[in-house]
Each structure stands twice: as C-alpha cells, then as structure tokens.
Amino acid sequence: MLDRHRGQRPKHRKPFHKGDLKYIILDLTKDKPRYGYEVIQVLEDLSHGFYAPSPGTVYPTLQMLEEMGHISADQQDSKKVYTITDEGRQFLAEREEFAEEIKNKMRDYWNPEKVNEMGDTMNEFRDLWRFLHRQARTADAEKIQRIRDIISRASNEIEDILK
C-alpha cells in the first residue's frame, strides 16, 4: 500500500532479520523431512496467515543450508525433500538459545492474543484477492476504477481506525 502523503511504501517490521530464517528451517527439518513448498506452508500456518515467505527466500536458504552441510536433499516424486544432517543438528544445538529467541520473537510478532480475529480478517483479504484475480480481468476500465476507489477508501478508513 502506498503512503499517499509521501508517495512511498510505509516501513513494516519484519518477522525475521537477515539470516534468521535458516534457524527456523533447520528447526522445521529437525521434526521431519520437508520439501520447500511445505516449509512455506508451515511458516504461513505458524504465523496464522500473516507471513508466507516467497520461494525466492526459502529455496536459496535451503540451498545454502545444503551447501553448508546442515541439510541434505533427496529427490522424491520430482520434489526435493530436505532432511537435517548431524552437522545441522549440532549447528542448531550450539545456537539453541539464539534459535529459541527467534522462535519467541516470531510468536510475539503475530500478537497471539488477537490471532483468531486477525486470521479471519486475513482470510477475507485472501478471498477478495482470489475473487478479483478470477473476475476482474474481464471488467472494463470503469469497473476497475470503481473497485480501486472502494479499496482506497477502505484502506484509508482502516488506517484511520488503527492510528
């Protein structure tokens, strides 16, 4: 969403700092082998829909962890399945306190007291996006402008509520 007053995107806090995701991925593969898309889905589930890392974030991290020897990849039905190695377990164990701090920060980031209400709200956004994705392609310019105006008004009202 553009900040209409300054013409730029507002800065948002991120759930992770650069390099933190590798600890979460290692922790997830510690529980069971996973494929890349599953890592994305689990992170989205853990965040109650507030965060889904892009494939452009997850897959390079998986490759880096594999190159470091912390995970191994096996091909299963045209998918790579990643499993933590003994070196990965040791790396995670040696940094257990830091990894736990990241997981706690991740849980706190999504305000667990309001997760259900915000999860429902995020589902509404997803439903609207899916509907627009399916239907708006065939809309004429006037209808698209009306939709944009409605979304802009709603965005401004939401910003006013949250100030």
Protein backbone atom coordinates (compact mmCIF):
# COMPACT_ATOMS: atom_id res chain seq x y z
CA MET A 1 0.00 0.00 0.00
CA LEU A 2 1.42 3.36 -0.95
CA ASP A 3 1.59 6.15 1.55
CA ARG A 4 -0.44 8.75 -0.32
CA HIS A 5 1.16 11.57 1.67
CA ARG A 6 4.75 10.77 0.73
CA GLY A 7 4.35 8.57 -2.37
CA GLN A 8 6.28 5.70 -0.83
CA ARG A 9 5.59 2.43 0.91
CA PRO A 10 5.44 2.55 4.70
CA LYS A 11 8.13 0.60 6.52
CA HIS A 12 6.89 -2.59 8.12
CA ARG A 13 8.57 -4.60 10.81
CA LYS A 14 9.71 -7.95 9.52
CA PRO A 15 9.36 -11.18 11.47
CA PHE A 16 12.98 -12.11 10.77
CA HIS A 17 16.31 -10.39 10.47
CA LYS A 18 18.64 -11.37 7.67
CA GLY A 19 19.89 -14.91 8.32
CA ASP A 20 17.25 -15.83 10.93
CA LEU A 21 15.18 -17.95 8.56
CA LYS A 22 17.87 -20.65 8.40
CA TYR A 23 17.32 -21.41 12.10
CA ILE A 24 13.57 -21.77 11.62
CA ILE A 25 14.06 -24.01 8.57
CA LEU A 26 16.57 -26.17 10.42
CA ASP A 27 14.14 -26.44 13.33
CA LEU A 28 11.34 -27.48 10.95
CA THR A 29 13.50 -30.14 9.28
CA LYS A 30 14.56 -31.37 12.71
CA ASP A 31 10.97 -32.53 13.28
CA LYS A 32 10.63 -34.30 9.92
CA PRO A 33 11.95 -34.10 6.35
CA ARG A 34 10.20 -31.39 4.34
CA TYR A 35 10.07 -30.11 0.82
CA GLY A 36 10.43 -26.40 0.04
CA TYR A 37 6.79 -25.59 -0.56
CA GLU A 38 5.89 -27.37 2.68
CA VAL A 39 8.31 -25.07 4.54
CA ILE A 40 6.45 -22.08 3.10
CA GLN A 41 3.08 -23.57 4.10
CA VAL A 42 4.22 -24.40 7.64
CA LEU A 43 5.57 -20.87 8.15
CA GLU A 44 2.29 -19.44 6.91
CA ASP A 45 0.39 -21.73 9.30
CA LEU A 46 2.66 -20.85 12.23
CA SER A 47 2.06 -17.17 11.54
CA HIS A 48 -1.69 -17.71 11.20
CA GLY A 49 -1.56 -16.40 7.65
CA PHE A 50 0.37 -13.22 8.42
CA TYR A 51 3.61 -14.33 6.79
CA ALA A 52 4.37 -16.58 3.86
CA PRO A 53 7.96 -16.33 2.72
CA SER A 54 8.46 -16.23 -1.01
CA PRO A 55 10.03 -19.14 -2.85
CA GLY A 56 12.80 -16.65 -3.68
CA THR A 57 13.61 -16.54 0.04
CA VAL A 58 13.09 -20.16 1.05
CA TYR A 59 14.78 -22.03 -1.79
CA PRO A 60 18.07 -20.09 -1.70
CA THR A 61 18.14 -20.61 2.09
CA LEU A 62 17.59 -24.35 1.61
CA GLN A 63 20.36 -24.44 -0.99
CA MET A 64 22.71 -22.52 1.33
CA LEU A 65 21.96 -24.92 4.20
CA GLU A 66 22.61 -27.84 1.87
CA GLU A 67 25.93 -26.33 0.74
CA MET A 68 26.87 -25.80 4.40
CA GLY A 69 26.15 -29.49 5.05
CA HIS A 70 23.34 -28.71 7.51
CA ILE A 71 20.64 -30.38 5.44
CA SER A 72 20.61 -32.98 2.70
CA ALA A 73 18.26 -33.12 -0.26
CA ASP A 74 16.77 -36.27 -1.77
CA GLN A 75 14.64 -36.38 -4.90
CA GLN A 76 11.18 -37.86 -4.27
CA ASP A 77 8.50 -37.75 -6.98
CA SER A 78 10.06 -34.76 -8.78
CA LYS A 79 10.45 -32.84 -5.50
CA LYS A 80 13.48 -32.26 -3.34
CA VAL A 81 12.90 -33.36 0.23
CA TYR A 82 15.20 -31.78 2.80
CA THR A 83 16.41 -33.54 5.95
CA ILE A 84 18.57 -32.09 8.70
CA THR A 85 22.03 -33.67 8.93
CA ASP A 86 24.04 -34.43 12.07
CA GLU A 87 26.07 -31.27 11.31
CA GLY A 88 22.81 -29.31 11.10
CA ARG A 89 21.61 -30.70 14.41
CA GLN A 90 24.92 -29.76 16.02
CA PHE A 91 24.81 -26.26 14.48
CA LEU A 92 21.27 -25.78 15.81
CA ALA A 93 22.13 -27.20 19.25
CA GLU A 94 25.14 -24.89 19.57
CA ARG A 95 22.87 -21.93 18.85
CA GLU A 96 19.81 -23.20 20.69
CA GLU A 97 19.36 -20.08 22.81
CA PHE A 98 19.52 -17.81 19.75
CA ALA A 99 17.18 -20.10 17.75
CA GLU A 100 14.71 -20.13 20.63
CA GLU A 101 14.85 -16.31 20.79
CA ILE A 102 13.96 -16.16 17.07
CA LYS A 103 11.01 -18.53 17.57
CA ASN A 104 9.77 -16.47 20.53
CA LYS A 105 10.12 -13.25 18.54
CA MET A 106 8.18 -14.89 15.71
CA ARG A 107 5.35 -15.89 18.07
CA ASP A 108 5.24 -12.40 19.62
CA TYR A 109 5.31 -10.71 16.21
CA TRP A 110 1.85 -12.02 15.36
CA ASN A 111 0.22 -10.98 18.63
CA PRO A 112 -1.21 -14.34 19.70
CA GLU A 113 -4.00 -12.69 21.72
CA LYS A 114 -5.61 -11.41 18.52
CA VAL A 115 -4.59 -14.17 16.13
CA ASN A 116 -8.06 -15.59 15.54
CA GLU A 117 -9.63 -12.22 14.76
CA MET A 118 -6.73 -11.15 12.54
CA GLY A 119 -6.64 -14.59 10.91
CA ASP A 120 -10.28 -14.18 9.95
CA THR A 121 -9.51 -10.72 8.59
CA MET A 122 -6.59 -12.05 6.55
CA ASN A 123 -8.87 -14.77 5.17
CA GLU A 124 -11.25 -12.06 3.99
CA PHE A 125 -8.36 -10.33 2.20
CA ARG A 126 -7.36 -13.62 0.56
CA ASP A 127 -10.94 -14.28 -0.52
CA LEU A 128 -11.19 -10.79 -2.02
CA TRP A 129 -7.87 -11.20 -3.82
CA ARG A 130 -8.93 -14.57 -5.24
CA PHE A 131 -12.26 -13.15 -6.39
CA LEU A 132 -10.59 -10.16 -8.04
CA HIS A 133 -7.98 -12.39 -9.61
CA ARG A 134 -10.69 -14.55 -11.18
CA GLN A 135 -13.26 -11.91 -12.09
CA ALA A 136 -11.63 -8.50 -12.53
CA ARG A 137 -9.70 -9.49 -15.66
CA THR A 138 -12.88 -9.21 -17.66
CA ALA A 139 -14.02 -5.93 -16.09
CA ASP A 140 -13.96 -2.78 -18.15
CA ALA A 141 -11.90 0.28 -17.17
CA GLU A 142 -14.82 1.98 -15.39
CA LYS A 143 -15.49 -1.04 -13.14
CA ILE A 144 -11.79 -1.41 -12.35
CA GLN A 145 -11.62 2.27 -11.37
CA ARG A 146 -14.68 1.85 -9.12
CA ILE A 147 -13.06 -1.18 -7.46
CA ARG A 148 -9.82 0.76 -6.95
CA ASP A 149 -11.75 3.66 -5.41
CA ILE A 150 -13.57 1.34 -3.00
CA ILE A 151 -10.33 -0.34 -1.95
CA SER A 152 -8.65 3.05 -1.49
CA ARG A 153 -11.49 4.32 0.72
CA ALA A 154 -11.44 1.13 2.76
CA SER A 155 -7.68 1.39 3.15
CA ASN A 156 -7.92 4.98 4.36
CA GLU A 157 -10.67 4.08 6.85
CA ILE A 158 -8.61 1.17 8.21
CA GLU A 159 -5.58 3.43 8.59
CA ASP A 160 -7.73 5.94 10.50
CA ILE A 161 -9.02 3.20 12.81
CA LEU A 162 -5.51 1.94 13.59
CA LYS A 163 -3.93 5.37 14.23
